[in-house]
Amino acid sequence: MDELVDILDENGNFTGQTCLKSEAHQTGLFHPTVHVWFYTTDGKMLFQKRGKDKKTFPLLWDVSVAGHIGASEPIVEAAIREVEEEIGLKVSASDLDKIGIFKSMQKHSESLIDNEFHHTFLCRLSAPLQDLVKQESEVDDLNLFTIEDFKSKLNQNEFDRFVPHKSSYYKQIIAEVEQRL
């Protein structure tokens, strides 16, 4: 779905401008997104397998929930909305623990340049995996991976099945989750 997004400068500051998400991706304009990482108290992290029709990284494992923030939409409201849309779970603002903003620049092709600032949250997953309802158009599958297994893959650069975020990003997410266990 094409939607209006806020345009940011290279430092993540709002420029006062908006454009369609498709235009931001075509021209490489920076814009904000949300990432919500779910974890369980027994040391697992929820990953989603991106849908087969996604323009970027189809069928690769990625962050539990991710999405664009609509123009002038409050960040936390966008996170809550995306969680409900993508995995059918209702969370509140108090469930979300913001751990940072991460700059990401990925040139997929001449006409698809993804320059984003990911507002990143952690959230404890209390619902069983089988109770989650994936958004068919966005999510192919959901699965829990142990932190130890995921760390092992990260340390051995076995990421052919995962979206190639920077390893420093993944390492910070793991460290933040481990602090909460």
N, C-alpha and C. Protein backbone atom coordinates (compact mmCIF):
# COMPACT_ATOMS: atom_id res chain seq x y z
N MET A 1 0.85 -1.19 0.00
CA MET A 1 0.00 0.00 0.00
C MET A 1 0.89 1.24 0.00
N ASP A 2 0.59 2.17 -0.89
CA ASP A 2 1.33 3.42 -0.94
C ASP A 2 0.67 4.40 0.04
N GLU A 3 1.49 5.06 0.80
CA GLU A 3 0.99 5.97 1.81
C GLU A 3 1.93 7.16 1.91
N LEU A 4 1.43 8.25 2.47
CA LEU A 4 2.28 9.41 2.72
C LEU A 4 3.19 9.12 3.90
N VAL A 5 4.47 9.49 3.74
CA VAL A 5 5.44 9.35 4.83
C VAL A 5 6.15 10.69 5.02
N ASP A 6 6.63 10.90 6.22
CA ASP A 6 7.42 12.09 6.51
C ASP A 6 8.82 11.91 5.93
N ILE A 7 9.40 12.98 5.44
CA ILE A 7 10.75 12.95 4.89
C ILE A 7 11.71 13.47 5.97
N LEU A 8 12.80 12.75 6.15
CA LEU A 8 13.81 13.09 7.14
C LEU A 8 15.10 13.49 6.44
N ASP A 9 15.95 14.23 7.14
CA ASP A 9 17.27 14.50 6.58
C ASP A 9 18.20 13.33 6.91
N GLU A 10 19.45 13.41 6.52
CA GLU A 10 20.38 12.30 6.71
C GLU A 10 20.73 12.04 8.17
N ASN A 11 20.29 12.95 9.06
CA ASN A 11 20.50 12.76 10.50
C ASN A 11 19.23 12.32 11.22
N GLY A 12 18.16 12.11 10.45
CA GLY A 12 16.91 11.65 11.05
C GLY A 12 15.98 12.74 11.51
N ASN A 13 16.29 13.99 11.15
CA ASN A 13 15.43 15.12 11.56
C ASN A 13 14.33 15.34 10.54
N PHE A 14 13.15 15.65 11.02
CA PHE A 14 12.00 15.91 10.16
C PHE A 14 12.26 17.16 9.33
N THR A 15 12.01 17.08 8.02
CA THR A 15 12.26 18.21 7.13
C THR A 15 11.04 19.10 6.94
N GLY A 16 9.87 18.64 7.40
CA GLY A 16 8.64 19.38 7.15
C GLY A 16 7.98 18.98 5.85
N GLN A 17 8.56 18.02 5.15
CA GLN A 17 8.01 17.56 3.88
C GLN A 17 7.48 16.14 4.00
N THR A 18 6.55 15.82 3.12
CA THR A 18 6.03 14.47 3.01
C THR A 18 6.01 14.07 1.54
N CYS A 19 5.93 12.78 1.29
CA CYS A 19 5.75 12.27 -0.06
C CYS A 19 5.20 10.86 0.04
N LEU A 20 4.82 10.29 -1.08
CA LEU A 20 4.38 8.91 -1.09
C LEU A 20 5.56 7.99 -0.80
N LYS A 21 5.29 6.90 -0.11
CA LYS A 21 6.34 5.92 0.21
C LYS A 21 7.05 5.46 -1.06
N SER A 22 6.30 5.26 -2.13
CA SER A 22 6.91 4.81 -3.39
C SER A 22 7.92 5.83 -3.92
N GLU A 23 7.62 7.11 -3.77
CA GLU A 23 8.54 8.15 -4.22
C GLU A 23 9.79 8.18 -3.34
N ALA A 24 9.60 8.02 -2.02
CA ALA A 24 10.75 7.99 -1.10
C ALA A 24 11.67 6.84 -1.47
N HIS A 25 11.10 5.69 -1.81
CA HIS A 25 11.91 4.53 -2.18
C HIS A 25 12.56 4.70 -3.55
N GLN A 26 11.87 5.35 -4.45
CA GLN A 26 12.42 5.54 -5.80
C GLN A 26 13.58 6.52 -5.81
N THR A 27 13.50 7.54 -4.96
CA THR A 27 14.51 8.60 -4.99
C THR A 27 15.51 8.52 -3.82
N GLY A 28 15.28 7.59 -2.88
CA GLY A 28 16.21 7.43 -1.77
C GLY A 28 16.05 8.44 -0.66
N LEU A 29 14.87 9.00 -0.50
CA LEU A 29 14.63 9.95 0.59
C LEU A 29 14.54 9.21 1.91
N PHE A 30 15.15 9.76 2.95
CA PHE A 30 15.06 9.16 4.27
C PHE A 30 13.65 9.31 4.82
N HIS A 31 13.17 8.27 5.50
CA HIS A 31 11.84 8.28 6.11
C HIS A 31 11.84 7.35 7.32
N PRO A 32 10.87 7.52 8.24
CA PRO A 32 10.87 6.71 9.46
C PRO A 32 10.07 5.42 9.33
N THR A 33 10.55 4.40 10.05
CA THR A 33 9.84 3.12 10.14
C THR A 33 9.86 2.67 11.59
N VAL A 34 9.09 1.63 11.88
CA VAL A 34 9.13 1.00 13.19
C VAL A 34 9.58 -0.45 13.03
N HIS A 35 10.35 -0.91 14.00
CA HIS A 35 10.72 -2.31 14.15
C HIS A 35 10.31 -2.71 15.56
N VAL A 36 9.58 -3.82 15.67
CA VAL A 36 9.20 -4.34 16.98
C VAL A 36 9.70 -5.78 17.07
N TRP A 37 10.61 -6.01 17.99
CA TRP A 37 11.16 -7.34 18.24
C TRP A 37 10.47 -7.95 19.44
N PHE A 38 9.83 -9.11 19.24
CA PHE A 38 9.20 -9.83 20.34
C PHE A 38 10.15 -10.91 20.84
N TYR A 39 10.14 -11.09 22.15
CA TYR A 39 10.98 -12.13 22.77
C TYR A 39 10.17 -12.82 23.85
N THR A 40 10.58 -14.04 24.19
CA THR A 40 9.91 -14.79 25.25
C THR A 40 10.83 -14.85 26.47
N THR A 41 10.24 -15.12 27.61
CA THR A 41 11.02 -15.17 28.85
C THR A 41 11.94 -16.38 28.90
N ASP A 42 11.74 -17.35 27.98
CA ASP A 42 12.63 -18.52 27.96
C ASP A 42 13.71 -18.40 26.88
N GLY A 43 14.00 -17.16 26.43
CA GLY A 43 15.15 -16.93 25.57
C GLY A 43 14.94 -17.16 24.09
N LYS A 44 13.74 -16.88 23.60
CA LYS A 44 13.47 -17.01 22.17
C LYS A 44 13.05 -15.66 21.59
N MET A 45 13.29 -15.51 20.30
CA MET A 45 12.89 -14.29 19.60
C MET A 45 11.96 -14.67 18.45
N LEU A 46 10.95 -13.84 18.24
CA LEU A 46 9.99 -14.08 17.16
C LEU A 46 10.51 -13.45 15.87
N PHE A 47 10.54 -14.25 14.81
CA PHE A 47 10.90 -13.76 13.49
C PHE A 47 9.73 -13.98 12.55
N GLN A 48 9.60 -13.08 11.57
CA GLN A 48 8.63 -13.29 10.52
C GLN A 48 9.37 -13.57 9.22
N LYS A 49 8.81 -14.48 8.44
CA LYS A 49 9.34 -14.70 7.09
C LYS A 49 8.55 -13.78 6.18
N ARG A 50 9.26 -12.92 5.48
CA ARG A 50 8.62 -11.93 4.62
C ARG A 50 7.82 -12.63 3.51
N GLY A 51 6.73 -12.01 3.11
CA GLY A 51 5.88 -12.57 2.07
C GLY A 51 6.60 -12.75 0.74
N LYS A 52 6.13 -13.71 -0.05
CA LYS A 52 6.78 -14.04 -1.33
C LYS A 52 6.66 -12.91 -2.35
N ASP A 53 5.70 -12.01 -2.18
CA ASP A 53 5.51 -10.93 -3.14
C ASP A 53 6.14 -9.61 -2.69
N LYS A 54 6.91 -9.63 -1.60
CA LYS A 54 7.57 -8.40 -1.15
C LYS A 54 8.63 -7.99 -2.17
N LYS A 55 8.78 -6.68 -2.38
CA LYS A 55 9.77 -6.18 -3.34
C LYS A 55 11.20 -6.37 -2.83
N THR A 56 11.36 -6.35 -1.52
CA THR A 56 12.70 -6.53 -0.96
C THR A 56 12.72 -7.76 -0.06
N PHE A 57 13.72 -8.56 -0.23
CA PHE A 57 14.00 -9.73 0.60
C PHE A 57 12.81 -10.68 0.79
N PRO A 58 12.12 -11.04 -0.30
CA PRO A 58 11.01 -11.99 -0.14
C PRO A 58 11.49 -13.32 0.44
N LEU A 59 10.66 -13.88 1.31
CA LEU A 59 10.87 -15.19 1.92
C LEU A 59 12.12 -15.30 2.79
N LEU A 60 12.65 -14.16 3.25
CA LEU A 60 13.75 -14.19 4.22
C LEU A 60 13.20 -13.85 5.61
N TRP A 61 13.83 -14.41 6.63
CA TRP A 61 13.43 -14.14 8.01
C TRP A 61 13.87 -12.73 8.39
N ASP A 62 12.99 -12.04 9.14
CA ASP A 62 13.22 -10.64 9.47
C ASP A 62 12.68 -10.34 10.86
N VAL A 63 12.76 -9.09 11.24
CA VAL A 63 12.24 -8.58 12.51
C VAL A 63 10.80 -9.06 12.71
N SER A 64 10.38 -9.23 13.96
CA SER A 64 9.04 -9.73 14.28
C SER A 64 7.96 -8.95 13.55
N VAL A 65 8.04 -7.62 13.63
CA VAL A 65 7.07 -6.73 13.00
C VAL A 65 7.81 -5.49 12.54
N ALA A 66 7.52 -5.05 11.32
CA ALA A 66 8.13 -3.82 10.81
C ALA A 66 7.16 -3.13 9.88
N GLY A 67 7.27 -1.82 9.80
CA GLY A 67 6.41 -1.09 8.88
C GLY A 67 6.74 0.39 8.85
N HIS A 68 6.14 1.04 7.90
CA HIS A 68 6.35 2.47 7.74
C HIS A 68 5.45 3.26 8.68
N ILE A 69 5.95 4.40 9.09
CA ILE A 69 5.19 5.33 9.91
C ILE A 69 4.52 6.31 8.96
N GLY A 70 3.21 6.42 9.04
CA GLY A 70 2.49 7.35 8.18
C GLY A 70 2.84 8.79 8.50
N ALA A 71 2.67 9.67 7.53
CA ALA A 71 2.96 11.09 7.74
C ALA A 71 2.20 11.60 8.96
N SER A 72 2.91 12.24 9.85
CA SER A 72 2.43 12.82 11.11
C SER A 72 1.86 11.80 12.10
N GLU A 73 2.01 10.51 11.82
CA GLU A 73 1.53 9.48 12.75
C GLU A 73 2.50 9.37 13.93
N PRO A 74 2.01 9.37 15.15
CA PRO A 74 2.90 9.17 16.29
C PRO A 74 3.61 7.81 16.20
N ILE A 75 4.87 7.78 16.55
CA ILE A 75 5.70 6.59 16.39
C ILE A 75 5.12 5.39 17.14
N VAL A 76 4.75 5.57 18.39
CA VAL A 76 4.23 4.46 19.18
C VAL A 76 2.91 3.95 18.59
N GLU A 77 2.08 4.87 18.12
CA GLU A 77 0.82 4.44 17.49
C GLU A 77 1.09 3.61 16.24
N ALA A 78 2.12 3.98 15.48
CA ALA A 78 2.49 3.20 14.29
C ALA A 78 2.95 1.81 14.69
N ALA A 79 3.71 1.71 15.75
CA ALA A 79 4.18 0.40 16.22
C ALA A 79 3.00 -0.47 16.65
N ILE A 80 2.09 0.09 17.40
CA ILE A 80 0.90 -0.64 17.85
C ILE A 80 0.07 -1.10 16.65
N ARG A 81 -0.11 -0.21 15.69
CA ARG A 81 -0.89 -0.54 14.48
C ARG A 81 -0.23 -1.66 13.70
N GLU A 82 1.07 -1.55 13.48
CA GLU A 82 1.78 -2.57 12.70
C GLU A 82 1.73 -3.94 13.37
N VAL A 83 1.86 -3.98 14.70
CA VAL A 83 1.79 -5.25 15.42
C VAL A 83 0.43 -5.91 15.19
N GLU A 84 -0.63 -5.13 15.31
CA GLU A 84 -1.97 -5.70 15.11
C GLU A 84 -2.18 -6.13 13.66
N GLU A 85 -1.71 -5.32 12.70
CA GLU A 85 -1.88 -5.67 11.29
C GLU A 85 -1.10 -6.93 10.91
N GLU A 86 0.16 -7.01 11.32
CA GLU A 86 1.03 -8.08 10.82
C GLU A 86 0.92 -9.40 11.57
N ILE A 87 0.66 -9.34 12.90
CA ILE A 87 0.58 -10.61 13.63
C ILE A 87 -0.69 -10.74 14.48
N GLY A 88 -1.63 -9.79 14.33
CA GLY A 88 -2.93 -9.90 14.98
C GLY A 88 -2.91 -9.81 16.49
N LEU A 89 -1.89 -9.16 17.04
CA LEU A 89 -1.74 -9.06 18.48
C LEU A 89 -2.01 -7.63 18.92
N LYS A 90 -2.80 -7.47 19.97
CA LYS A 90 -3.04 -6.15 20.53
C LYS A 90 -2.03 -5.89 21.64
N VAL A 91 -1.27 -4.80 21.49
CA VAL A 91 -0.33 -4.37 22.53
C VAL A 91 -0.65 -2.92 22.88
N SER A 92 -0.17 -2.51 24.03
CA SER A 92 -0.36 -1.11 24.44
C SER A 92 1.00 -0.42 24.45
N ALA A 93 0.96 0.88 24.56
CA ALA A 93 2.20 1.67 24.60
C ALA A 93 3.10 1.22 25.74
N SER A 94 2.51 0.85 26.86
CA SER A 94 3.32 0.43 28.01
C SER A 94 4.01 -0.92 27.79
N ASP A 95 3.56 -1.70 26.80
CA ASP A 95 4.20 -2.99 26.47
C ASP A 95 5.47 -2.78 25.65
N LEU A 96 5.59 -1.63 25.01
CA LEU A 96 6.70 -1.37 24.09
C LEU A 96 7.86 -0.68 24.82
N ASP A 97 9.04 -1.20 24.60
CA ASP A 97 10.25 -0.67 25.23
C ASP A 97 11.18 -0.19 24.12
N LYS A 98 11.24 1.13 23.92
CA LYS A 98 12.07 1.67 22.84
C LYS A 98 13.54 1.56 23.19
N ILE A 99 14.31 0.97 22.27
CA ILE A 99 15.73 0.77 22.54
C ILE A 99 16.63 1.60 21.64
N GLY A 100 16.05 2.30 20.67
CA GLY A 100 16.89 3.16 19.85
C GLY A 100 16.33 3.41 18.47
N ILE A 101 17.09 4.21 17.73
CA ILE A 101 16.77 4.53 16.34
C ILE A 101 18.00 4.15 15.52
N PHE A 102 17.78 3.35 14.49
CA PHE A 102 18.88 2.81 13.70
C PHE A 102 18.76 3.28 12.26
N LYS A 103 19.84 3.83 11.76
CA LYS A 103 19.88 4.31 10.37
C LYS A 103 20.19 3.13 9.45
N SER A 104 19.43 3.01 8.37
CA SER A 104 19.62 1.92 7.41
C SER A 104 19.58 2.49 6.00
N MET A 105 20.59 2.13 5.21
CA MET A 105 20.65 2.58 3.82
C MET A 105 20.89 1.34 2.95
N GLN A 106 19.93 1.04 2.06
CA GLN A 106 20.06 -0.14 1.20
C GLN A 106 19.62 0.23 -0.21
N LYS A 107 20.52 0.09 -1.14
CA LYS A 107 20.19 0.32 -2.55
C LYS A 107 19.94 -1.05 -3.19
N HIS A 108 18.68 -1.33 -3.44
CA HIS A 108 18.28 -2.62 -4.01
C HIS A 108 18.41 -2.61 -5.54
N SER A 109 18.11 -1.45 -6.12
CA SER A 109 18.22 -1.27 -7.57
C SER A 109 18.24 0.24 -7.83
N GLU A 110 18.36 0.61 -9.10
CA GLU A 110 18.36 2.05 -9.44
C GLU A 110 17.04 2.72 -9.06
N SER A 111 15.96 1.95 -9.01
CA SER A 111 14.65 2.54 -8.72
C SER A 111 14.10 2.13 -7.35
N LEU A 112 14.92 1.49 -6.52
CA LEU A 112 14.48 1.11 -5.17
C LEU A 112 15.64 1.31 -4.19
N ILE A 113 15.60 2.48 -3.55
CA ILE A 113 16.64 2.86 -2.59
C ILE A 113 15.94 3.07 -1.25
N ASP A 114 16.25 2.21 -0.29
CA ASP A 114 15.58 2.19 1.00
C ASP A 114 16.45 2.89 2.04
N ASN A 115 16.20 4.16 2.28
CA ASN A 115 16.92 4.93 3.30
C ASN A 115 15.95 5.23 4.44
N GLU A 116 16.16 4.54 5.56
CA GLU A 116 15.18 4.60 6.65
C GLU A 116 15.87 4.79 8.00
N PHE A 117 15.08 5.31 8.93
CA PHE A 117 15.45 5.34 10.33
C PHE A 117 14.45 4.44 11.05
N HIS A 118 14.95 3.31 11.59
CA HIS A 118 14.10 2.33 12.27
C HIS A 118 13.97 2.71 13.75
N HIS A 119 12.77 3.10 14.15
CA HIS A 119 12.47 3.32 15.57
C HIS A 119 12.20 1.93 16.13
N THR A 120 13.08 1.46 17.00
CA THR A 120 13.11 0.05 17.36
C THR A 120 12.66 -0.18 18.80
N PHE A 121 11.77 -1.16 18.94
CA PHE A 121 11.17 -1.50 20.23
C PHE A 121 11.36 -2.98 20.53
N LEU A 122 11.37 -3.30 21.82
CA LEU A 122 11.26 -4.67 22.27
C LEU A 122 9.91 -4.83 22.94
N CYS A 123 9.39 -6.05 22.88
CA CYS A 123 8.11 -6.34 23.53
C CYS A 123 8.11 -7.81 23.92
N ARG A 124 7.73 -8.09 25.15
CA ARG A 124 7.66 -9.48 25.61
C ARG A 124 6.45 -10.15 24.97
N LEU A 125 6.67 -11.32 24.42
CA LEU A 125 5.60 -12.10 23.78
C LEU A 125 5.00 -13.02 24.83
N SER A 126 3.74 -12.76 25.17
CA SER A 126 3.07 -13.59 26.17
C SER A 126 2.06 -14.54 25.52
N ALA A 127 1.69 -14.27 24.28
CA ALA A 127 0.73 -15.13 23.59
C ALA A 127 1.47 -16.31 22.95
N PRO A 128 0.84 -17.48 22.91
CA PRO A 128 1.47 -18.61 22.21
C PRO A 128 1.59 -18.33 20.71
N LEU A 129 2.62 -18.89 20.10
CA LEU A 129 2.86 -18.69 18.67
C LEU A 129 1.62 -19.01 17.84
N GLN A 130 0.93 -20.09 18.18
CA GLN A 130 -0.23 -20.52 17.39
C GLN A 130 -1.41 -19.55 17.48
N ASP A 131 -1.39 -18.62 18.44
CA ASP A 131 -2.47 -17.64 18.56
C ASP A 131 -2.25 -16.40 17.69
N LEU A 132 -1.05 -16.26 17.13
CA LEU A 132 -0.76 -15.10 16.29
C LEU A 132 -1.41 -15.31 14.92
N VAL A 133 -1.89 -14.22 14.36
CA VAL A 133 -2.56 -14.27 13.05
C VAL A 133 -1.75 -13.43 12.08
N LYS A 134 -1.07 -14.10 11.16
CA LYS A 134 -0.20 -13.38 10.23
C LYS A 134 -1.00 -12.71 9.12
N GLN A 135 -0.54 -11.54 8.74
CA GLN A 135 -1.14 -10.80 7.63
C GLN A 135 -0.66 -11.46 6.34
N GLU A 136 -1.57 -12.12 5.65
CA GLU A 136 -1.21 -12.96 4.50
C GLU A 136 -0.45 -12.20 3.41
N SER A 137 -0.78 -10.93 3.19
CA SER A 137 -0.13 -10.17 2.13
C SER A 137 1.29 -9.75 2.48
N GLU A 138 1.64 -9.79 3.75
CA GLU A 138 2.96 -9.32 4.20
C GLU A 138 3.84 -10.42 4.77
N VAL A 139 3.23 -11.39 5.43
CA VAL A 139 3.97 -12.37 6.23
C VAL A 139 3.71 -13.77 5.72
N ASP A 140 4.78 -14.48 5.37
CA ASP A 140 4.66 -15.86 4.91
C ASP A 140 4.60 -16.84 6.08
N ASP A 141 5.37 -16.57 7.15
CA ASP A 141 5.43 -17.49 8.28
C ASP A 141 5.94 -16.75 9.51
N LEU A 142 5.70 -17.33 10.66
CA LEU A 142 6.20 -16.82 11.93
C LEU A 142 6.88 -17.98 12.65
N ASN A 143 8.00 -17.68 13.34
CA ASN A 143 8.68 -18.75 14.06
C ASN A 143 9.51 -18.15 15.19
N LEU A 144 9.71 -18.96 16.22
CA LEU A 144 10.57 -18.57 17.33
C LEU A 144 11.93 -19.23 17.17
N PHE A 145 12.99 -18.44 17.31
CA PHE A 145 14.36 -18.95 17.28
C PHE A 145 14.98 -18.69 18.64
N THR A 146 15.73 -19.65 19.16
CA THR A 146 16.41 -19.38 20.43
C THR A 146 17.49 -18.32 20.18
N ILE A 147 17.74 -17.54 21.20
CA ILE A 147 18.76 -16.50 21.08
C ILE A 147 20.12 -17.15 20.81
N GLU A 148 20.38 -18.27 21.47
CA GLU A 148 21.67 -18.95 21.27
C GLU A 148 21.85 -19.40 19.83
N ASP A 149 20.81 -19.97 19.24
CA ASP A 149 20.89 -20.42 17.84
C ASP A 149 21.09 -19.21 16.92
N PHE A 150 20.37 -18.14 17.19
CA PHE A 150 20.48 -16.95 16.36
C PHE A 150 21.88 -16.33 16.49
N LYS A 151 22.40 -16.27 17.71
CA LYS A 151 23.76 -15.75 17.92
C LYS A 151 24.78 -16.59 17.18
N SER A 152 24.61 -17.87 17.20
CA SER A 152 25.52 -18.77 16.51
C SER A 152 25.53 -18.48 15.01
N LYS A 153 24.35 -18.29 14.44
CA LYS A 153 24.25 -17.98 13.01
C LYS A 153 24.90 -16.62 12.72
N LEU A 154 24.70 -15.67 13.60
CA LEU A 154 25.29 -14.35 13.43
C LEU A 154 26.82 -14.42 13.48
N ASN A 155 27.35 -15.15 14.44
CA ASN A 155 28.80 -15.25 14.59
C ASN A 155 29.46 -16.02 13.46
N GLN A 156 28.71 -16.90 12.82
CA GLN A 156 29.26 -17.70 11.72
C GLN A 156 28.86 -17.15 10.35
N ASN A 157 28.25 -15.96 10.36
CA ASN A 157 27.79 -15.32 9.11
C ASN A 157 26.90 -16.25 8.27
N GLU A 158 26.01 -16.98 8.94
CA GLU A 158 25.05 -17.86 8.26
C GLU A 158 23.73 -17.11 8.07
N PHE A 159 23.77 -16.07 7.27
CA PHE A 159 22.58 -15.24 7.15
C PHE A 159 21.90 -15.32 5.80
N ASP A 160 22.11 -16.40 5.08
CA ASP A 160 21.47 -16.51 3.78
C ASP A 160 19.95 -16.63 3.89
N ARG A 161 19.44 -16.97 5.06
CA ARG A 161 17.99 -17.08 5.24
C ARG A 161 17.40 -15.86 5.95
N PHE A 162 18.24 -14.89 6.34
CA PHE A 162 17.79 -13.72 7.08
C PHE A 162 18.02 -12.44 6.28
N VAL A 163 17.19 -11.44 6.53
CA VAL A 163 17.39 -10.13 5.90
C VAL A 163 18.76 -9.62 6.34
N PRO A 164 19.57 -9.13 5.41
CA PRO A 164 20.94 -8.72 5.75
C PRO A 164 21.04 -7.34 6.40
N HIS A 165 20.44 -7.23 7.60
CA HIS A 165 20.69 -6.02 8.39
C HIS A 165 22.15 -6.06 8.82
N LYS A 166 22.68 -4.92 9.21
CA LYS A 166 24.05 -4.88 9.70
C LYS A 166 24.18 -5.81 10.91
N SER A 167 25.31 -6.50 11.01
CA SER A 167 25.49 -7.41 12.15
C SER A 167 25.50 -6.62 13.47
N SER A 168 25.96 -5.37 13.45
CA SER A 168 25.95 -4.54 14.66
C SER A 168 24.52 -4.30 15.14
N TYR A 169 23.59 -4.18 14.20
CA TYR A 169 22.17 -4.02 14.55
C TYR A 169 21.68 -5.28 15.25
N TYR A 170 21.89 -6.43 14.62
CA TYR A 170 21.44 -7.69 15.21
C TYR A 170 22.09 -7.90 16.58
N LYS A 171 23.37 -7.61 16.72
CA LYS A 171 24.07 -7.81 17.99
C LYS A 171 23.48 -6.92 19.08
N GLN A 172 23.11 -5.70 18.73
CA GLN A 172 22.51 -4.82 19.73
C GLN A 172 21.14 -5.32 20.14
N ILE A 173 20.36 -5.81 19.20
CA ILE A 173 19.03 -6.36 19.53
C ILE A 173 19.20 -7.52 20.50
N ILE A 174 20.11 -8.44 20.18
CA ILE A 174 20.34 -9.60 21.06
C ILE A 174 20.76 -9.15 22.45
N ALA A 175 21.69 -8.21 22.53
CA ALA A 175 22.16 -7.72 23.83
C ALA A 175 21.02 -7.10 24.64
N GLU A 176 20.19 -6.34 23.97
CA GLU A 176 19.06 -5.70 24.66
C GLU A 176 18.07 -6.75 25.17
N VAL A 177 17.79 -7.77 24.36
CA VAL A 177 16.87 -8.84 24.81
C VAL A 177 17.49 -9.57 25.99
N GLU A 178 18.76 -9.92 25.89
CA GLU A 178 19.41 -10.66 26.99
C GLU A 178 19.40 -9.88 28.29
N GLN A 179 19.48 -8.55 28.23
CA GLN A 179 19.42 -7.74 29.45
C GLN A 179 18.07 -7.87 30.14
N ARG A 180 17.04 -8.21 29.40
CA ARG A 180 15.69 -8.26 29.94
C ARG A 180 15.29 -9.66 30.41
N LEU A 181 16.14 -10.62 30.16
CA LEU A 181 15.81 -12.00 30.57
C LEU A 181 16.21 -12.28 32.01
